[in-house]
Amino acid sequence: MPTCNHEIGSAQTRLTRERADTLRMVLMINGLMFLILFAAGLWADSSALLADSSDNLGDMFVYAISLFVAYRGLRWRAGAAFVKGLVQFAFGIGVLIGIAVKLSGHPEPVGLVIMVVAAVALIANLICLLLLQRHRGEDVNMRSVWLCSRNDVLGNAAVIISGSAVWLTSSFWPDLIVAALLAAVFLHTSYDVLRDALHAWWAGTKRS
């Protein structure tokens, strides 16, 4: 029996270490992509790229929190997921405010730059999604991380489409529309993550 418990403990420790290694890798990728997307968003005057960069910044915060609670209990991980839900909500509202500010002026997004940069970000985030895929069902914390990465991929694809539309029509509206859709995705993900985090928190409370 002690041998069995030791084997179980070793397997859990190995899984936790693998999870932490994955989180470190996707944290570095998202940090690099945030810098690229933010700089390109300012240069190309693109709300969609800036929204995408906000998503990467939020993910950096998400992955850092996930690393902090990787070796902790269920209630810690549920609390981390709850914070991530709040971060997603804040970025969704922030993007909507940014759109309102852009509408008060006359934005001139550069479609070709938007397409190229979003395509690079899509490749990077697909790599992150594949790295996180094996961990998505382990707990509420890792599920929230996977959801954030999935949003990145969907967001990149949408930004590529908006860049194409801006390039073809010479209109700023596709850029703002996609930014608004990304904000809606952030808010919906926030709802999902907060709901799951609260359920996990109560489950952890009953066990203690």
N, C-alpha and C. Protein backbone atom coordinates (compact mmCIF):
# COMPACT_ATOMS: atom_id res chain seq x y z
N MET A 1 0.82 -1.22 0.00
CA MET A 1 0.00 0.00 0.00
C MET A 1 0.85 1.27 0.00
N PRO A 2 1.88 1.36 0.87
CA PRO A 2 2.74 2.54 0.82
C PRO A 2 3.40 2.72 -0.53
N THR A 3 3.75 1.58 -1.18
CA THR A 3 4.37 1.65 -2.50
C THR A 3 3.40 2.24 -3.51
N CYS A 4 2.14 1.81 -3.42
CA CYS A 4 1.10 2.31 -4.32
C CYS A 4 0.92 3.82 -4.14
N ASN A 5 0.86 4.28 -2.88
CA ASN A 5 0.70 5.71 -2.61
C ASN A 5 1.90 6.50 -3.12
N HIS A 6 3.10 5.90 -2.97
CA HIS A 6 4.31 6.57 -3.46
C HIS A 6 4.27 6.72 -4.98
N GLU A 7 3.79 5.66 -5.66
CA GLU A 7 3.70 5.72 -7.12
C GLU A 7 2.70 6.77 -7.57
N ILE A 8 1.56 6.85 -6.85
CA ILE A 8 0.56 7.85 -7.19
C ILE A 8 1.12 9.25 -6.97
N GLY A 9 1.82 9.45 -5.83
CA GLY A 9 2.41 10.75 -5.55
C GLY A 9 3.45 11.14 -6.57
N SER A 10 4.25 10.17 -7.01
CA SER A 10 5.28 10.45 -8.02
C SER A 10 4.65 10.84 -9.34
N ALA A 11 3.57 10.15 -9.71
CA ALA A 11 2.88 10.45 -10.97
C ALA A 11 2.27 11.86 -10.93
N GLN A 12 1.70 12.22 -9.78
CA GLN A 12 1.11 13.56 -9.65
C GLN A 12 2.18 14.65 -9.70
N THR A 13 3.32 14.36 -9.05
CA THR A 13 4.42 15.33 -9.08
C THR A 13 4.95 15.52 -10.50
N ARG A 14 5.08 14.42 -11.23
CA ARG A 14 5.55 14.49 -12.61
C ARG A 14 4.57 15.27 -13.48
N LEU A 15 3.27 15.02 -13.29
CA LEU A 15 2.25 15.73 -14.06
C LEU A 15 2.29 17.22 -13.75
N THR A 16 2.44 17.57 -12.48
CA THR A 16 2.51 18.98 -12.08
C THR A 16 3.73 19.66 -12.69
N ARG A 17 4.86 18.94 -12.71
CA ARG A 17 6.08 19.50 -13.30
C ARG A 17 5.91 19.73 -14.79
N GLU A 18 5.29 18.76 -15.48
CA GLU A 18 5.04 18.91 -16.92
C GLU A 18 4.10 20.09 -17.18
N ARG A 19 3.11 20.24 -16.33
CA ARG A 19 2.16 21.36 -16.47
C ARG A 19 2.88 22.69 -16.30
N ALA A 20 3.75 22.77 -15.31
CA ALA A 20 4.49 24.01 -15.06
C ALA A 20 5.43 24.33 -16.22
N ASP A 21 6.09 23.31 -16.78
CA ASP A 21 6.99 23.52 -17.93
C ASP A 21 6.21 24.06 -19.13
N THR A 22 5.02 23.50 -19.35
CA THR A 22 4.18 23.97 -20.46
C THR A 22 3.76 25.41 -20.26
N LEU A 23 3.38 25.75 -19.03
CA LEU A 23 2.95 27.12 -18.73
C LEU A 23 4.10 28.12 -18.93
N ARG A 24 5.31 27.74 -18.55
CA ARG A 24 6.45 28.63 -18.76
C ARG A 24 6.68 28.88 -20.25
N MET A 25 6.53 27.83 -21.05
CA MET A 25 6.77 27.96 -22.48
C MET A 25 5.73 28.89 -23.12
N VAL A 26 4.45 28.67 -22.81
CA VAL A 26 3.42 29.51 -23.42
C VAL A 26 3.47 30.93 -22.88
N LEU A 27 3.95 31.10 -21.64
CA LEU A 27 4.12 32.44 -21.08
C LEU A 27 5.16 33.23 -21.90
N MET A 28 6.26 32.59 -22.24
CA MET A 28 7.30 33.27 -23.03
C MET A 28 6.79 33.61 -24.44
N ILE A 29 6.06 32.67 -25.05
CA ILE A 29 5.53 32.92 -26.39
C ILE A 29 4.57 34.09 -26.38
N ASN A 30 3.70 34.13 -25.38
CA ASN A 30 2.71 35.21 -25.31
C ASN A 30 3.36 36.55 -24.99
N GLY A 31 4.42 36.54 -24.21
CA GLY A 31 5.14 37.78 -23.94
C GLY A 31 5.71 38.39 -25.20
N LEU A 32 6.33 37.53 -26.02
CA LEU A 32 6.90 38.00 -27.28
C LEU A 32 5.81 38.52 -28.21
N MET A 33 4.70 37.77 -28.31
CA MET A 33 3.63 38.17 -29.22
C MET A 33 2.92 39.44 -28.75
N PHE A 34 2.84 39.65 -27.44
CA PHE A 34 2.26 40.91 -26.95
C PHE A 34 3.06 42.11 -27.45
N LEU A 35 4.38 42.03 -27.34
CA LEU A 35 5.22 43.14 -27.78
C LEU A 35 5.05 43.39 -29.28
N ILE A 36 5.02 42.31 -30.07
CA ILE A 36 4.89 42.44 -31.52
C ILE A 36 3.53 43.02 -31.89
N LEU A 37 2.45 42.47 -31.31
CA LEU A 37 1.10 42.90 -31.65
C LEU A 37 0.83 44.34 -31.20
N PHE A 38 1.33 44.69 -30.01
CA PHE A 38 1.09 46.04 -29.50
C PHE A 38 1.79 47.08 -30.37
N ALA A 39 3.06 46.80 -30.70
CA ALA A 39 3.81 47.74 -31.54
C ALA A 39 3.17 47.86 -32.93
N ALA A 40 2.78 46.71 -33.50
CA ALA A 40 2.16 46.73 -34.82
C ALA A 40 0.80 47.40 -34.79
N GLY A 41 0.04 47.22 -33.70
CA GLY A 41 -1.27 47.84 -33.57
C GLY A 41 -1.18 49.36 -33.54
N LEU A 42 -0.16 49.88 -32.82
CA LEU A 42 0.05 51.32 -32.80
C LEU A 42 0.48 51.84 -34.17
N TRP A 43 1.39 51.11 -34.80
CA TRP A 43 1.91 51.53 -36.10
C TRP A 43 0.82 51.50 -37.18
N ALA A 44 0.00 50.41 -37.17
CA ALA A 44 -1.03 50.25 -38.20
C ALA A 44 -2.35 50.91 -37.83
N ASP A 45 -2.41 51.56 -36.65
CA ASP A 45 -3.64 52.21 -36.19
C ASP A 45 -4.82 51.23 -36.18
N SER A 46 -4.56 50.03 -35.63
CA SER A 46 -5.55 48.96 -35.68
C SER A 46 -6.10 48.63 -34.30
N SER A 47 -7.41 48.82 -34.12
CA SER A 47 -8.06 48.44 -32.87
C SER A 47 -8.06 46.92 -32.70
N ALA A 48 -8.20 46.19 -33.81
CA ALA A 48 -8.22 44.73 -33.74
C ALA A 48 -6.89 44.18 -33.26
N LEU A 49 -5.78 44.72 -33.78
CA LEU A 49 -4.46 44.26 -33.34
C LEU A 49 -4.21 44.63 -31.88
N LEU A 50 -4.64 45.83 -31.48
CA LEU A 50 -4.48 46.23 -30.08
C LEU A 50 -5.32 45.35 -29.16
N ALA A 51 -6.52 44.98 -29.61
CA ALA A 51 -7.35 44.06 -28.82
C ALA A 51 -6.67 42.70 -28.71
N ASP A 52 -6.07 42.26 -29.81
CA ASP A 52 -5.34 41.00 -29.81
C ASP A 52 -4.16 41.05 -28.86
N SER A 53 -3.45 42.18 -28.86
CA SER A 53 -2.31 42.31 -27.95
C SER A 53 -2.77 42.33 -26.50
N SER A 54 -3.94 42.93 -26.24
CA SER A 54 -4.50 42.92 -24.89
C SER A 54 -4.78 41.50 -24.44
N ASP A 55 -5.25 40.68 -25.36
CA ASP A 55 -5.51 39.28 -25.05
C ASP A 55 -4.23 38.58 -24.65
N ASN A 56 -3.14 38.83 -25.39
CA ASN A 56 -1.86 38.22 -25.05
C ASN A 56 -1.33 38.71 -23.70
N LEU A 57 -1.52 39.99 -23.42
CA LEU A 57 -1.11 40.53 -22.13
C LEU A 57 -1.90 39.87 -21.00
N GLY A 58 -3.21 39.72 -21.22
CA GLY A 58 -4.03 39.04 -20.23
C GLY A 58 -3.59 37.60 -20.03
N ASP A 59 -3.24 36.94 -21.13
CA ASP A 59 -2.78 35.55 -21.04
C ASP A 59 -1.48 35.44 -20.26
N MET A 60 -0.58 36.42 -20.44
CA MET A 60 0.66 36.41 -19.66
C MET A 60 0.33 36.42 -18.16
N PHE A 61 -0.62 37.25 -17.79
CA PHE A 61 -1.04 37.32 -16.39
C PHE A 61 -1.67 36.00 -15.96
N VAL A 62 -2.48 35.43 -16.85
CA VAL A 62 -3.14 34.15 -16.58
C VAL A 62 -2.12 33.03 -16.35
N TYR A 63 -1.13 32.94 -17.24
CA TYR A 63 -0.15 31.88 -17.13
C TYR A 63 0.73 32.05 -15.89
N ALA A 64 1.05 33.30 -15.55
CA ALA A 64 1.85 33.56 -14.35
C ALA A 64 1.10 33.10 -13.09
N ILE A 65 -0.19 33.42 -13.03
CA ILE A 65 -1.01 32.97 -11.90
C ILE A 65 -1.08 31.45 -11.86
N SER A 66 -1.25 30.84 -13.03
CA SER A 66 -1.35 29.38 -13.11
C SER A 66 -0.08 28.71 -12.62
N LEU A 67 1.07 29.31 -12.94
CA LEU A 67 2.34 28.78 -12.43
C LEU A 67 2.40 28.89 -10.91
N PHE A 68 1.90 30.00 -10.38
CA PHE A 68 1.94 30.23 -8.94
C PHE A 68 1.13 29.17 -8.19
N VAL A 69 -0.01 28.75 -8.76
CA VAL A 69 -0.87 27.80 -8.05
C VAL A 69 -0.68 26.36 -8.53
N ALA A 70 0.29 26.13 -9.43
CA ALA A 70 0.46 24.79 -10.02
C ALA A 70 0.68 23.72 -8.96
N TYR A 71 1.37 24.06 -7.88
CA TYR A 71 1.69 23.08 -6.83
C TYR A 71 0.79 23.23 -5.61
N ARG A 72 -0.31 23.97 -5.77
CA ARG A 72 -1.20 24.21 -4.63
C ARG A 72 -2.51 23.45 -4.79
N GLY A 73 -3.41 23.59 -3.81
CA GLY A 73 -4.63 22.81 -3.76
C GLY A 73 -5.73 23.32 -4.68
N LEU A 74 -6.88 22.61 -4.65
CA LEU A 74 -8.00 22.91 -5.53
C LEU A 74 -8.54 24.31 -5.31
N ARG A 75 -8.66 24.74 -4.06
CA ARG A 75 -9.22 26.06 -3.79
C ARG A 75 -8.30 27.16 -4.30
N TRP A 76 -6.99 26.97 -4.20
CA TRP A 76 -6.06 27.93 -4.77
C TRP A 76 -6.24 28.03 -6.28
N ARG A 77 -6.35 26.86 -6.93
CA ARG A 77 -6.49 26.85 -8.39
C ARG A 77 -7.82 27.46 -8.82
N ALA A 78 -8.88 27.21 -8.03
CA ALA A 78 -10.18 27.80 -8.33
C ALA A 78 -10.12 29.32 -8.16
N GLY A 79 -9.41 29.78 -7.12
CA GLY A 79 -9.26 31.21 -6.91
C GLY A 79 -8.49 31.87 -8.05
N ALA A 80 -7.46 31.16 -8.56
CA ALA A 80 -6.69 31.67 -9.70
C ALA A 80 -7.57 31.80 -10.93
N ALA A 81 -8.40 30.78 -11.16
CA ALA A 81 -9.31 30.82 -12.31
C ALA A 81 -10.28 31.99 -12.18
N PHE A 82 -10.74 32.26 -10.96
CA PHE A 82 -11.67 33.38 -10.75
C PHE A 82 -11.00 34.71 -11.12
N VAL A 83 -9.75 34.88 -10.71
CA VAL A 83 -9.01 36.11 -11.06
C VAL A 83 -8.88 36.22 -12.58
N LYS A 84 -8.62 35.10 -13.25
CA LYS A 84 -8.50 35.11 -14.71
C LYS A 84 -9.81 35.56 -15.36
N GLY A 85 -10.92 35.10 -14.80
CA GLY A 85 -12.22 35.53 -15.33
C GLY A 85 -12.40 37.03 -15.21
N LEU A 86 -11.97 37.59 -14.09
CA LEU A 86 -12.04 39.04 -13.91
C LEU A 86 -11.14 39.77 -14.90
N VAL A 87 -9.96 39.20 -15.17
CA VAL A 87 -9.03 39.81 -16.13
C VAL A 87 -9.66 39.83 -17.52
N GLN A 88 -10.28 38.71 -17.93
CA GLN A 88 -10.94 38.65 -19.23
C GLN A 88 -12.05 39.70 -19.32
N PHE A 89 -12.80 39.86 -18.23
CA PHE A 89 -13.88 40.86 -18.20
C PHE A 89 -13.31 42.27 -18.36
N ALA A 90 -12.22 42.56 -17.64
CA ALA A 90 -11.61 43.88 -17.70
C ALA A 90 -11.11 44.20 -19.11
N PHE A 91 -10.49 43.21 -19.77
CA PHE A 91 -9.99 43.46 -21.11
C PHE A 91 -11.15 43.63 -22.11
N GLY A 92 -12.22 42.90 -21.92
CA GLY A 92 -13.38 43.07 -22.79
C GLY A 92 -13.93 44.49 -22.71
N ILE A 93 -14.09 44.99 -21.49
CA ILE A 93 -14.57 46.36 -21.31
C ILE A 93 -13.57 47.36 -21.86
N GLY A 94 -12.27 47.09 -21.64
CA GLY A 94 -11.23 47.99 -22.13
C GLY A 94 -11.24 48.12 -23.64
N VAL A 95 -11.44 47.00 -24.34
CA VAL A 95 -11.49 47.03 -25.80
C VAL A 95 -12.69 47.87 -26.28
N LEU A 96 -13.84 47.71 -25.63
CA LEU A 96 -15.02 48.48 -26.00
C LEU A 96 -14.78 49.98 -25.80
N ILE A 97 -14.09 50.33 -24.72
CA ILE A 97 -13.77 51.74 -24.49
C ILE A 97 -12.83 52.25 -25.59
N GLY A 98 -11.84 51.42 -25.96
CA GLY A 98 -10.92 51.80 -27.02
C GLY A 98 -11.62 52.03 -28.35
N ILE A 99 -12.62 51.21 -28.64
CA ILE A 99 -13.40 51.38 -29.87
C ILE A 99 -14.15 52.71 -29.85
N ALA A 100 -14.74 53.02 -28.70
CA ALA A 100 -15.47 54.29 -28.57
C ALA A 100 -14.54 55.48 -28.79
N VAL A 101 -13.31 55.38 -28.27
CA VAL A 101 -12.34 56.46 -28.46
C VAL A 101 -11.98 56.60 -29.94
N LYS A 102 -11.78 55.45 -30.63
CA LYS A 102 -11.43 55.49 -32.05
C LYS A 102 -12.56 56.12 -32.87
N LEU A 103 -13.79 55.83 -32.51
CA LEU A 103 -14.92 56.37 -33.26
C LEU A 103 -15.04 57.89 -33.12
N SER A 104 -14.44 58.43 -32.07
CA SER A 104 -14.48 59.89 -31.90
C SER A 104 -13.50 60.60 -32.83
N GLY A 105 -12.59 59.84 -33.45
CA GLY A 105 -11.64 60.41 -34.41
C GLY A 105 -11.87 59.81 -35.78
N HIS A 106 -10.77 59.64 -36.53
CA HIS A 106 -10.88 59.04 -37.86
C HIS A 106 -9.72 58.06 -38.06
N PRO A 107 -9.88 56.83 -37.57
CA PRO A 107 -8.79 55.84 -37.67
C PRO A 107 -8.48 55.48 -39.13
N GLU A 108 -7.21 55.17 -39.38
CA GLU A 108 -6.78 54.76 -40.72
C GLU A 108 -5.93 53.50 -40.62
N PRO A 109 -6.54 52.36 -40.33
CA PRO A 109 -5.78 51.11 -40.19
C PRO A 109 -5.12 50.68 -41.50
N VAL A 110 -3.96 50.01 -41.38
CA VAL A 110 -3.21 49.53 -42.55
C VAL A 110 -3.48 48.03 -42.69
N GLY A 111 -4.30 47.68 -43.67
CA GLY A 111 -4.78 46.31 -43.82
C GLY A 111 -3.69 45.27 -44.00
N LEU A 112 -2.69 45.56 -44.82
CA LEU A 112 -1.64 44.58 -45.12
C LEU A 112 -0.83 44.25 -43.87
N VAL A 113 -0.49 45.28 -43.09
CA VAL A 113 0.25 45.05 -41.84
C VAL A 113 -0.57 44.21 -40.87
N ILE A 114 -1.87 44.51 -40.79
CA ILE A 114 -2.75 43.76 -39.90
C ILE A 114 -2.75 42.28 -40.27
N MET A 115 -2.86 41.98 -41.55
CA MET A 115 -2.91 40.59 -42.01
C MET A 115 -1.62 39.83 -41.68
N VAL A 116 -0.49 40.44 -42.00
CA VAL A 116 0.80 39.76 -41.82
C VAL A 116 1.08 39.50 -40.34
N VAL A 117 0.89 40.51 -39.51
CA VAL A 117 1.18 40.35 -38.08
C VAL A 117 0.22 39.36 -37.43
N ALA A 118 -1.06 39.42 -37.80
CA ALA A 118 -2.04 38.48 -37.25
C ALA A 118 -1.74 37.06 -37.68
N ALA A 119 -1.21 36.86 -38.88
CA ALA A 119 -0.85 35.52 -39.34
C ALA A 119 0.31 34.95 -38.51
N VAL A 120 1.29 35.79 -38.20
CA VAL A 120 2.40 35.35 -37.34
C VAL A 120 1.88 34.99 -35.95
N ALA A 121 0.99 35.81 -35.42
CA ALA A 121 0.41 35.55 -34.10
C ALA A 121 -0.42 34.27 -34.11
N LEU A 122 -1.11 34.00 -35.21
CA LEU A 122 -1.92 32.79 -35.31
C LEU A 122 -1.03 31.55 -35.19
N ILE A 123 0.10 31.54 -35.88
CA ILE A 123 1.02 30.40 -35.81
C ILE A 123 1.52 30.21 -34.37
N ALA A 124 1.90 31.31 -33.72
CA ALA A 124 2.40 31.24 -32.35
C ALA A 124 1.33 30.71 -31.39
N ASN A 125 0.10 31.18 -31.54
CA ASN A 125 -0.96 30.75 -30.63
C ASN A 125 -1.46 29.34 -30.91
N LEU A 126 -1.34 28.88 -32.15
CA LEU A 126 -1.64 27.48 -32.44
C LEU A 126 -0.65 26.56 -31.72
N ILE A 127 0.60 26.98 -31.68
CA ILE A 127 1.61 26.22 -30.95
C ILE A 127 1.25 26.15 -29.47
N CYS A 128 0.84 27.30 -28.91
CA CYS A 128 0.42 27.33 -27.50
C CYS A 128 -0.78 26.42 -27.26
N LEU A 129 -1.75 26.47 -28.15
CA LEU A 129 -2.96 25.65 -27.99
C LEU A 129 -2.62 24.17 -28.00
N LEU A 130 -1.73 23.76 -28.90
CA LEU A 130 -1.33 22.36 -28.97
C LEU A 130 -0.57 21.94 -27.71
N LEU A 131 0.26 22.83 -27.19
CA LEU A 131 1.00 22.52 -25.96
C LEU A 131 0.05 22.34 -24.77
N LEU A 132 -1.02 23.13 -24.73
CA LEU A 132 -1.95 23.10 -23.61
C LEU A 132 -3.04 22.04 -23.75
N GLN A 133 -3.20 21.50 -24.95
CA GLN A 133 -4.30 20.58 -25.24
C GLN A 133 -4.34 19.40 -24.27
N ARG A 134 -3.20 18.82 -23.97
CA ARG A 134 -3.16 17.63 -23.13
C ARG A 134 -3.52 17.92 -21.67
N HIS A 135 -3.45 19.20 -21.27
CA HIS A 135 -3.71 19.56 -19.88
C HIS A 135 -5.11 20.15 -19.67
N ARG A 136 -5.89 20.32 -20.73
CA ARG A 136 -7.14 21.08 -20.63
C ARG A 136 -8.16 20.46 -19.68
N GLY A 137 -8.15 19.13 -19.52
CA GLY A 137 -9.15 18.50 -18.67
C GLY A 137 -8.68 18.18 -17.27
N GLU A 138 -7.51 18.69 -16.87
CA GLU A 138 -6.94 18.29 -15.58
C GLU A 138 -7.63 18.98 -14.40
N ASP A 139 -7.94 20.27 -14.53
CA ASP A 139 -8.65 20.99 -13.46
C ASP A 139 -9.18 22.31 -14.02
N VAL A 140 -9.91 23.05 -13.17
CA VAL A 140 -10.54 24.29 -13.63
C VAL A 140 -9.49 25.33 -14.02
N ASN A 141 -8.35 25.28 -13.35
CA ASN A 141 -7.28 26.22 -13.65
C ASN A 141 -6.75 26.03 -15.08
N MET A 142 -6.44 24.77 -15.43
CA MET A 142 -5.89 24.49 -16.75
C MET A 142 -6.95 24.63 -17.84
N ARG A 143 -8.21 24.37 -17.50
CA ARG A 143 -9.26 24.58 -18.48
C ARG A 143 -9.38 26.07 -18.82
N SER A 144 -9.27 26.92 -17.81
CA SER A 144 -9.35 28.36 -18.05
C SER A 144 -8.17 28.83 -18.91
N VAL A 145 -7.00 28.24 -18.69
CA VAL A 145 -5.82 28.57 -19.50
C VAL A 145 -6.04 28.16 -20.95
N TRP A 146 -6.60 26.96 -21.14
CA TRP A 146 -6.84 26.47 -22.50
C TRP A 146 -7.87 27.34 -23.21
N LEU A 147 -8.90 27.77 -22.49
CA LEU A 147 -9.91 28.64 -23.08
C LEU A 147 -9.31 29.97 -23.55
N CYS A 148 -8.40 30.51 -22.75
CA CYS A 148 -7.74 31.76 -23.14
C CYS A 148 -6.92 31.56 -24.41
N SER A 149 -6.23 30.43 -24.50
CA SER A 149 -5.42 30.16 -25.69
C SER A 149 -6.31 29.93 -26.91
N ARG A 150 -7.43 29.27 -26.71
CA ARG A 150 -8.39 29.07 -27.81
C ARG A 150 -8.90 30.41 -28.33
N ASN A 151 -9.18 31.32 -27.40
CA ASN A 151 -9.63 32.66 -27.79
C ASN A 151 -8.59 33.37 -28.63
N ASP A 152 -7.32 33.16 -28.30
CA ASP A 152 -6.24 33.78 -29.07
C ASP A 152 -6.28 33.33 -30.52
N VAL A 153 -6.45 32.03 -30.73
CA VAL A 153 -6.48 31.49 -32.09
C VAL A 153 -7.67 32.05 -32.86
N LEU A 154 -8.84 32.04 -32.23
CA LEU A 154 -10.04 32.58 -32.89
C LEU A 154 -9.86 34.07 -33.19
N GLY A 155 -9.26 34.78 -32.22
CA GLY A 155 -9.04 36.20 -32.41
C GLY A 155 -8.09 36.50 -33.55
N ASN A 156 -7.00 35.73 -33.65
CA ASN A 156 -6.04 35.93 -34.74
C ASN A 156 -6.70 35.71 -36.10
N ALA A 157 -7.50 34.65 -36.20
CA ALA A 157 -8.19 34.37 -37.47
C ALA A 157 -9.12 35.51 -37.84
N ALA A 158 -9.84 36.03 -36.84
CA ALA A 158 -10.76 37.14 -37.09
C ALA A 158 -10.00 38.41 -37.52
N VAL A 159 -8.84 38.64 -36.90
CA VAL A 159 -8.06 39.84 -37.25
C VAL A 159 -7.51 39.73 -38.67
N ILE A 160 -7.12 38.53 -39.08
CA ILE A 160 -6.67 38.34 -40.47
C ILE A 160 -7.78 38.70 -41.44
N ILE A 161 -9.00 38.25 -41.14
CA ILE A 161 -10.15 38.56 -41.99
C ILE A 161 -10.41 40.07 -42.02
N SER A 162 -10.30 40.71 -40.84
CA SER A 162 -10.54 42.16 -40.79
C SER A 162 -9.48 42.91 -41.57
N GLY A 163 -8.22 42.45 -41.49
CA GLY A 163 -7.15 43.08 -42.25
C GLY A 163 -7.38 42.98 -43.74
N SER A 164 -7.87 41.81 -44.18
CA SER A 164 -8.18 41.62 -45.59
C SER A 164 -9.28 42.56 -46.03
N ALA A 165 -10.32 42.68 -45.18
CA ALA A 165 -11.44 43.56 -45.52
C ALA A 165 -11.02 45.03 -45.55
N VAL A 166 -10.17 45.42 -44.59
CA VAL A 166 -9.66 46.81 -44.58
C VAL A 166 -8.86 47.08 -45.84
N TRP A 167 -8.03 46.13 -46.21
CA TRP A 167 -7.17 46.27 -47.39
C TRP A 167 -8.00 46.38 -48.67
N LEU A 168 -9.07 45.57 -48.77
CA LEU A 168 -9.88 45.53 -49.98
C LEU A 168 -10.85 46.72 -50.08
N THR A 169 -11.35 47.17 -48.94
CA THR A 169 -12.40 48.20 -48.96
C THR A 169 -11.88 49.60 -48.61
N SER A 170 -10.65 49.67 -48.06
CA SER A 170 -10.10 50.94 -47.58
C SER A 170 -11.01 51.60 -46.54
N SER A 171 -11.70 50.75 -45.76
CA SER A 171 -12.60 51.24 -44.71
C SER A 171 -12.08 50.78 -43.35
N PHE A 172 -12.28 51.60 -42.31
CA PHE A 172 -11.84 51.22 -40.97
C PHE A 172 -12.88 50.38 -40.23
N TRP A 173 -14.09 50.27 -40.79
CA TRP A 173 -15.15 49.57 -40.09
C TRP A 173 -14.87 48.09 -39.82
N PRO A 174 -14.30 47.32 -40.77
CA PRO A 174 -14.01 45.91 -40.45
C PRO A 174 -13.09 45.76 -39.25
N ASP A 175 -12.13 46.66 -39.10
CA ASP A 175 -11.19 46.61 -37.96
C ASP A 175 -11.94 46.81 -36.65
N LEU A 176 -12.84 47.79 -36.62
CA LEU A 176 -13.58 48.07 -35.39
C LEU A 176 -14.60 46.97 -35.09
N ILE A 177 -15.21 46.42 -36.13
CA ILE A 177 -16.20 45.35 -35.92
C ILE A 177 -15.53 44.12 -35.32
N VAL A 178 -14.36 43.74 -35.84
CA VAL A 178 -13.65 42.57 -35.31
C VAL A 178 -13.19 42.84 -33.88
N ALA A 179 -12.75 44.07 -33.61
CA ALA A 179 -12.36 44.41 -32.24
C ALA A 179 -13.55 44.24 -31.29
N ALA A 180 -14.74 44.65 -31.74
CA ALA A 180 -15.95 44.50 -30.92
C ALA A 180 -16.29 43.02 -30.70
N LEU A 181 -16.11 42.21 -31.75
CA LEU A 181 -16.35 40.77 -31.61
C LEU A 181 -15.37 40.14 -30.62
N LEU A 182 -14.12 40.57 -30.66
CA LEU A 182 -13.14 40.07 -29.70
C LEU A 182 -13.52 40.45 -28.28
N ALA A 183 -14.03 41.66 -28.11
CA ALA A 183 -14.49 42.08 -26.78
C ALA A 183 -15.62 41.18 -26.30
N ALA A 184 -16.53 40.81 -27.22
CA ALA A 184 -17.64 39.92 -26.86
C ALA A 184 -17.11 38.54 -26.44
N VAL A 185 -16.08 38.05 -27.14
CA VAL A 185 -15.47 36.77 -26.79
C VAL A 185 -14.85 36.84 -25.40
N PHE A 186 -14.14 37.94 -25.10
CA PHE A 186 -13.54 38.11 -23.78
C PHE A 186 -14.61 38.04 -22.69
N LEU A 187 -15.72 38.74 -22.92
CA LEU A 187 -16.77 38.80 -21.91
C LEU A 187 -17.46 37.45 -21.73
N HIS A 188 -17.66 36.73 -22.83
CA HIS A 188 -18.28 35.40 -22.73
C HIS A 188 -17.35 34.42 -22.01
N THR A 189 -16.07 34.47 -22.33
CA THR A 189 -15.10 33.61 -21.66
C THR A 189 -15.03 33.95 -20.18
N SER A 190 -15.11 35.24 -19.86
CA SER A 190 -15.12 35.66 -18.46
C SER A 190 -16.27 35.00 -17.72
N TYR A 191 -17.43 34.98 -18.32
CA TYR A 191 -18.60 34.35 -17.69
C TYR A 191 -18.36 32.87 -17.45
N ASP A 192 -17.84 32.16 -18.48
CA ASP A 192 -17.59 30.72 -18.36
C ASP A 192 -16.58 30.42 -17.25
N VAL A 193 -15.48 31.16 -17.25
CA VAL A 193 -14.41 30.91 -16.28
C VAL A 193 -14.87 31.24 -14.86
N LEU A 194 -15.56 32.35 -14.68
CA LEU A 194 -16.05 32.72 -13.34
C LEU A 194 -17.04 31.68 -12.82
N ARG A 195 -17.92 31.20 -13.68
CA ARG A 195 -18.89 30.19 -13.27
C ARG A 195 -18.19 28.91 -12.82
N ASP A 196 -17.24 28.41 -13.65
CA ASP A 196 -16.52 27.18 -13.32
C ASP A 196 -15.68 27.36 -12.06
N ALA A 197 -15.09 28.54 -11.90
CA ALA A 197 -14.24 28.80 -10.73
C ALA A 197 -15.07 28.76 -9.44
N LEU A 198 -16.27 29.34 -9.48
CA LEU A 198 -17.13 29.33 -8.30
C LEU A 198 -17.56 27.92 -7.94
N HIS A 199 -17.89 27.12 -8.96
CA HIS A 199 -18.27 25.73 -8.69
C HIS A 199 -17.11 24.96 -8.07
N ALA A 200 -15.90 25.16 -8.62
CA ALA A 200 -14.73 24.46 -8.10
C ALA A 200 -14.40 24.93 -6.68
N TRP A 201 -14.60 26.22 -6.42
CA TRP A 201 -14.32 26.75 -5.08
C TRP A 201 -15.23 26.09 -4.04
N TRP A 202 -16.52 25.99 -4.38
CA TRP A 202 -17.45 25.38 -3.43
C TRP A 202 -17.15 23.90 -3.25
N ALA A 203 -16.72 23.24 -4.33
CA ALA A 203 -16.34 21.82 -4.24
C ALA A 203 -15.14 21.66 -3.32
N GLY A 204 -14.16 22.57 -3.44
CA GLY A 204 -12.98 22.53 -2.58
C GLY A 204 -13.32 22.82 -1.13
N THR A 205 -14.31 23.72 -0.92
CA THR A 205 -14.74 24.06 0.44
C THR A 205 -15.38 22.87 1.13
N LYS A 206 -16.18 22.12 0.37
CA LYS A 206 -16.86 20.95 0.95
C LYS A 206 -15.88 19.86 1.33
N ARG A 207 -14.78 19.76 0.57
CA ARG A 207 -13.79 18.72 0.86
C ARG A 207 -12.95 19.06 2.09
N SER A 208 -12.81 20.40 2.37
CA SER A 208 -11.94 20.76 3.50
C SER A 208 -12.66 20.65 4.85
